[in-house]
Amino acid sequence: MSEPMLGELSLDDLKEQLLQIIKSTGTEVNESQIVLLDRGAPHKSSTLPVGRMAVYSFIYQDRFLKIGKAGSNSNARFNSQHYDPKNSQSNLAKSLLNDPQLVELNLDATNIKEWIKTNTRRIDFLVDATLGIFVLNLIEAFLHLKYRPKYEGYEKQRPVIGIDL
């Protein structure tokens, strides 16, 4: 069975890049402290494991839509907030519903949760909480820069940071 890929990069290669970047800061990290979980598409949401923080990502048609993070006490952010437009100020569901390019999909508040679970590939980066928030922030920032998710930052900032609309 072939390994899941992100563009030209395997998940194992991506994990190795992350470990090297973290180590380059002088931070001690071992392979078991970062776990990449490809939940696939369709996917099921899952609870944040005890003692872990996470960077999560949603991918549609090989395009990263959203990359975010959840601290060890933020299970709702990790597990459910991105599937319901009313759950938080900023979430994937709300971004999708407000995207005029997706009108033909007939998405609305009643079907968006199921559409996200059915049509997006979710990859989670589970991080040992003992590594701390700065490591979590570094992983999220690295993934933002590498994959430039469509719904990241404020809409007015996106052309400046090179995100095509």
C-alpha atoms as a PDB file:
ATOM      1  CA  MET A   1       0.000   0.000   0.000  1.00  0.00           C
ATOM      2  CA  SER A   2       1.445   3.367  -0.962  1.00  0.00           C
ATOM      3  CA  GLU A   3       1.969   6.089   1.585  1.00  0.00           C
ATOM      4  CA  PRO A   4      -0.425   9.097   1.563  1.00  0.00           C
ATOM      5  CA  MET A   5       1.048  12.086  -0.250  1.00  0.00           C
ATOM      6  CA  LEU A   6       0.711  15.854   0.023  1.00  0.00           C
ATOM      7  CA  GLY A   7       1.757  17.056  -3.386  1.00  0.00           C
ATOM      8  CA  GLU A   8       5.202  15.553  -3.968  1.00  0.00           C
ATOM      9  CA  LEU A   9       5.744  14.961  -0.246  1.00  0.00           C
ATOM     10  CA  SER A  10       4.838  11.883   1.782  1.00  0.00           C
ATOM     11  CA  LEU A  11       3.479  12.298   5.301  1.00  0.00           C
ATOM     12  CA  ASP A  12       6.654  10.667   6.640  1.00  0.00           C
ATOM     13  CA  ASP A  13       8.767  13.218   4.756  1.00  0.00           C
ATOM     14  CA  LEU A  14       6.605  16.054   6.068  1.00  0.00           C
ATOM     15  CA  LYS A  15       6.995  14.772   9.622  1.00  0.00           C
ATOM     16  CA  GLU A  16      10.765  14.625   9.135  1.00  0.00           C
ATOM     17  CA  GLN A  17      10.763  18.238   7.919  1.00  0.00           C
ATOM     18  CA  LEU A  18       8.780  19.289  10.991  1.00  0.00           C
ATOM     19  CA  LEU A  19      11.134  17.471  13.353  1.00  0.00           C
ATOM     20  CA  GLN A  20      14.177  19.083  11.708  1.00  0.00           C
ATOM     21  CA  ILE A  21      12.675  22.573  11.931  1.00  0.00           C
ATOM     22  CA  ILE A  22      11.829  22.097  15.611  1.00  0.00           C
ATOM     23  CA  LYS A  23      15.308  20.726  16.345  1.00  0.00           C
ATOM     24  CA  SER A  24      16.882  23.671  14.498  1.00  0.00           C
ATOM     25  CA  THR A  25      15.533  25.924  17.271  1.00  0.00           C
ATOM     26  CA  GLY A  26      17.440  23.973  19.916  1.00  0.00           C
ATOM     27  CA  THR A  27      14.291  22.231  21.128  1.00  0.00           C
ATOM     28  CA  GLU A  28      14.606  18.566  22.002  1.00  0.00           C
ATOM     29  CA  VAL A  29      11.933  16.495  20.300  1.00  0.00           C
ATOM     30  CA  ASN A  30      11.603  12.825  19.484  1.00  0.00           C
ATOM     31  CA  GLU A  31       9.590  11.155  16.766  1.00  0.00           C
ATOM     32  CA  SER A  32       6.888   9.840  19.120  1.00  0.00           C
ATOM     33  CA  GLN A  33       5.999  13.357  20.282  1.00  0.00           C
ATOM     34  CA  ILE A  34       4.461  14.267  16.923  1.00  0.00           C
ATOM     35  CA  VAL A  35       1.925  11.989  15.266  1.00  0.00           C
ATOM     36  CA  LEU A  36       0.436  12.670  11.829  1.00  0.00           C
ATOM     37  CA  LEU A  37      -3.021  11.189  11.321  1.00  0.00           C
ATOM     38  CA  ASP A  38      -4.518  11.187   7.847  1.00  0.00           C
ATOM     39  CA  ARG A  39      -8.237  10.789   8.538  1.00  0.00           C
ATOM     40  CA  GLY A  40      -8.946  10.753   4.815  1.00  0.00           C
ATOM     41  CA  ALA A  41     -12.087  11.756   2.963  1.00  0.00           C
ATOM     42  CA  PRO A  42     -14.687  11.084   4.022  1.00  0.00           C
ATOM     43  CA  HIS A  43     -13.574  11.513   7.602  1.00  0.00           C
ATOM     44  CA  LYS A  44     -14.981  11.433  11.115  1.00  0.00           C
ATOM     45  CA  SER A  45     -14.106  14.053  13.676  1.00  0.00           C
ATOM     46  CA  SER A  46     -12.387  12.778  16.778  1.00  0.00           C
ATOM     47  CA  THR A  47     -11.657  13.970  20.286  1.00  0.00           C
ATOM     48  CA  LEU A  48      -8.302  15.464  21.131  1.00  0.00           C
ATOM     49  CA  PRO A  49      -6.267  12.834  22.980  1.00  0.00           C
ATOM     50  CA  VAL A  50      -5.330  13.634  26.581  1.00  0.00           C
ATOM     51  CA  GLY A  51      -1.868  15.182  26.815  1.00  0.00           C
ATOM     52  CA  ARG A  52      -1.906  16.319  23.187  1.00  0.00           C
ATOM     53  CA  MET A  53      -2.295  19.584  21.329  1.00  0.00           C
ATOM     54  CA  ALA A  54      -3.004  19.611  17.616  1.00  0.00           C
ATOM     55  CA  VAL A  55      -2.656  21.342  14.322  1.00  0.00           C
ATOM     56  CA  TYR A  56      -5.497  20.252  12.049  1.00  0.00           C
ATOM     57  CA  SER A  57      -6.034  20.713   8.337  1.00  0.00           C
ATOM     58  CA  PHE A  58      -8.870  20.357   5.864  1.00  0.00           C
ATOM     59  CA  ILE A  59      -8.110  19.666   2.196  1.00  0.00           C
ATOM     60  CA  TYR A  60     -10.509  19.747  -0.758  1.00  0.00           C
ATOM     61  CA  GLN A  61      -9.448  18.760  -4.282  1.00  0.00           C
ATOM     62  CA  ASP A  62      -5.760  18.867  -3.258  1.00  0.00           C
ATOM     63  CA  ARG A  63      -6.133  22.455  -1.940  1.00  0.00           C
ATOM     64  CA  PHE A  64      -5.669  23.249   1.742  1.00  0.00           C
ATOM     65  CA  LEU A  65      -8.739  25.122   2.898  1.00  0.00           C
ATOM     66  CA  LYS A  66      -7.985  25.616   6.583  1.00  0.00           C
ATOM     67  CA  ILE A  67      -5.073  24.943   8.914  1.00  0.00           C
ATOM     68  CA  GLY A  68      -5.607  25.706  12.579  1.00  0.00           C
ATOM     69  CA  LYS A  69      -4.502  24.736  16.041  1.00  0.00           C
ATOM     70  CA  ALA A  70      -6.031  23.570  19.290  1.00  0.00           C
ATOM     71  CA  GLY A  71      -4.310  23.583  22.654  1.00  0.00           C
ATOM     72  CA  SER A  72      -4.595  20.637  25.023  1.00  0.00           C
ATOM     73  CA  ASN A  73      -7.717  22.149  26.640  1.00  0.00           C
ATOM     74  CA  SER A  74      -9.434  23.030  23.345  1.00  0.00           C
ATOM     75  CA  ASN A  75     -11.266  19.849  22.400  1.00  0.00           C
ATOM     76  CA  ALA A  76     -14.253  21.768  20.984  1.00  0.00           C
ATOM     77  CA  ARG A  77     -11.977  23.652  18.588  1.00  0.00           C
ATOM     78  CA  PHE A  78     -10.362  20.403  17.495  1.00  0.00           C
ATOM     79  CA  ASN A  79     -13.480  18.254  17.368  1.00  0.00           C
ATOM     80  CA  SER A  80     -16.530  20.252  16.342  1.00  0.00           C
ATOM     81  CA  GLN A  81     -16.296  24.017  15.850  1.00  0.00           C
ATOM     82  CA  HIS A  82     -15.265  23.922  12.185  1.00  0.00           C
ATOM     83  CA  TYR A  83     -18.330  21.910  11.160  1.00  0.00           C
ATOM     84  CA  ASP A  84     -21.015  24.400  12.300  1.00  0.00           C
ATOM     85  CA  PRO A  85     -21.036  28.035  11.150  1.00  0.00           C
ATOM     86  CA  LYS A  86     -22.556  29.156  14.474  1.00  0.00           C
ATOM     87  CA  ASN A  87     -19.974  27.493  16.729  1.00  0.00           C
ATOM     88  CA  SER A  88     -17.273  30.184  16.693  1.00  0.00           C
ATOM     89  CA  GLN A  89     -16.252  33.500  15.163  1.00  0.00           C
ATOM     90  CA  SER A  90     -13.975  31.890  12.597  1.00  0.00           C
ATOM     91  CA  ASN A  91     -14.454  28.391  11.248  1.00  0.00           C
ATOM     92  CA  LEU A  92     -14.338  26.376   8.045  1.00  0.00           C
ATOM     93  CA  ALA A  93     -18.114  26.002   7.747  1.00  0.00           C
ATOM     94  CA  LYS A  94     -18.632  29.765   7.850  1.00  0.00           C
ATOM     95  CA  SER A  95     -15.855  30.354   5.304  1.00  0.00           C
ATOM     96  CA  LEU A  96     -17.322  27.804   2.887  1.00  0.00           C
ATOM     97  CA  LEU A  97     -20.835  29.239   3.186  1.00  0.00           C
ATOM     98  CA  ASN A  98     -19.507  32.747   2.480  1.00  0.00           C
ATOM     99  CA  ASP A  99     -17.471  31.719  -0.576  1.00  0.00           C
ATOM    100  CA  PRO A 100     -19.238  32.885  -3.777  1.00  0.00           C
ATOM    101  CA  GLN A 101     -17.171  30.390  -5.808  1.00  0.00           C
ATOM    102  CA  LEU A 102     -19.035  27.528  -4.104  1.00  0.00           C
ATOM    103  CA  VAL A 103     -22.614  28.654  -4.788  1.00  0.00           C
ATOM    104  CA  GLU A 104     -23.191  25.759  -7.213  1.00  0.00           C
ATOM    105  CA  LEU A 105     -22.673  23.283  -4.343  1.00  0.00           C
ATOM    106  CA  ASN A 106     -25.907  24.503  -2.704  1.00  0.00           C
ATOM    107  CA  LEU A 107     -24.345  24.529   0.750  1.00  0.00           C
ATOM    108  CA  ASP A 108     -26.310  25.834   3.703  1.00  0.00           C
ATOM    109  CA  ALA A 109     -26.337  25.583   7.496  1.00  0.00           C
ATOM    110  CA  THR A 110     -28.297  22.315   7.350  1.00  0.00           C
ATOM    111  CA  ASN A 111     -25.896  20.391   5.100  1.00  0.00           C
ATOM    112  CA  ILE A 112     -22.474  21.979   5.622  1.00  0.00           C
ATOM    113  CA  LYS A 113     -21.359  19.659   8.435  1.00  0.00           C
ATOM    114  CA  GLU A 114     -22.001  16.533   6.387  1.00  0.00           C
ATOM    115  CA  TRP A 115     -20.478  18.120   3.269  1.00  0.00           C
ATOM    116  CA  ILE A 116     -17.226  18.890   5.135  1.00  0.00           C
ATOM    117  CA  LYS A 117     -17.020  15.376   6.582  1.00  0.00           C
ATOM    118  CA  THR A 118     -17.790  13.750   3.223  1.00  0.00           C
ATOM    119  CA  ASN A 119     -15.736  15.928   0.873  1.00  0.00           C
ATOM    120  CA  THR A 120     -12.689  17.143   2.756  1.00  0.00           C
ATOM    121  CA  ARG A 121      -9.609  15.192   3.691  1.00  0.00           C
ATOM    122  CA  ARG A 122      -8.550  15.890   7.252  1.00  0.00           C
ATOM    123  CA  ILE A 123      -4.970  15.536   8.420  1.00  0.00           C
ATOM    124  CA  ASP A 124      -4.207  16.067  12.110  1.00  0.00           C
ATOM    125  CA  PHE A 125      -0.785  16.746  13.588  1.00  0.00           C
ATOM    126  CA  LEU A 126      -0.976  15.573  17.206  1.00  0.00           C
ATOM    127  CA  VAL A 127       1.700  17.197  19.350  1.00  0.00           C
ATOM    128  CA  ASP A 128       2.781  16.128  22.830  1.00  0.00           C
ATOM    129  CA  ALA A 129       1.607  18.926  25.143  1.00  0.00           C
ATOM    130  CA  THR A 130       4.943  18.906  26.990  1.00  0.00           C
ATOM    131  CA  LEU A 131       6.539  20.459  23.899  1.00  0.00           C
ATOM    132  CA  GLY A 132       4.584  23.636  24.632  1.00  0.00           C
ATOM    133  CA  ILE A 133       2.616  26.249  22.760  1.00  0.00           C
ATOM    134  CA  PHE A 134       5.621  27.676  20.883  1.00  0.00           C
ATOM    135  CA  VAL A 135       6.210  24.346  19.140  1.00  0.00           C
ATOM    136  CA  LEU A 136       2.500  24.172  18.279  1.00  0.00           C
ATOM    137  CA  ASN A 137       2.658  27.717  16.879  1.00  0.00           C
ATOM    138  CA  LEU A 138       5.781  26.844  14.856  1.00  0.00           C
ATOM    139  CA  ILE A 139       4.129  23.804  13.270  1.00  0.00           C
ATOM    140  CA  GLU A 140       1.016  25.803  12.368  1.00  0.00           C
ATOM    141  CA  ALA A 141       3.084  28.665  10.905  1.00  0.00           C
ATOM    142  CA  PHE A 142       5.258  26.261   8.884  1.00  0.00           C
ATOM    143  CA  LEU A 143       2.170  24.572   7.416  1.00  0.00           C
ATOM    144  CA  HIS A 144       0.546  27.953   6.649  1.00  0.00           C
ATOM    145  CA  LEU A 145       3.606  29.083   4.748  1.00  0.00           C
ATOM    146  CA  LYS A 146       4.097  25.760   2.954  1.00  0.00           C
ATOM    147  CA  TYR A 147       0.465  25.161   1.913  1.00  0.00           C
ATOM    148  CA  ARG A 148      -1.115  28.667   2.002  1.00  0.00           C
ATOM    149  CA  PRO A 149      -4.652  27.615   2.959  1.00  0.00           C
ATOM    150  CA  LYS A 150      -7.490  29.351   1.138  1.00  0.00           C
ATOM    151  CA  TYR A 151      -9.386  30.459   4.245  1.00  0.00           C
ATOM    152  CA  GLU A 152      -6.552  31.692   6.424  1.00  0.00           C
ATOM    153  CA  GLY A 153      -6.196  35.217   7.721  1.00  0.00           C
ATOM    154  CA  TYR A 154      -8.613  38.025   7.061  1.00  0.00           C
ATOM    155  CA  GLU A 155      -9.989  38.143   3.524  1.00  0.00           C
ATOM    156  CA  LYS A 156      -8.398  41.549   2.847  1.00  0.00           C
ATOM    157  CA  GLN A 157      -4.950  40.126   3.748  1.00  0.00           C
ATOM    158  CA  ARG A 158      -5.100  37.116   1.435  1.00  0.00           C
ATOM    159  CA  PRO A 159      -3.937  38.790  -1.811  1.00  0.00           C
ATOM    160  CA  VAL A 160      -0.983  40.273   0.096  1.00  0.00           C
ATOM    161  CA  ILE A 161       0.168  36.861   1.324  1.00  0.00           C
ATOM    162  CA  GLY A 162      -0.289  35.249  -2.075  1.00  0.00           C
ATOM    163  CA  ILE A 163      -3.504  33.295  -1.605  1.00  0.00           C
ATOM    164  CA  ASP A 164      -5.455  33.178  -4.827  1.00  0.00           C
ATOM    165  CA  LEU A 165      -9.142  33.901  -4.427  1.00  0.00           C
END
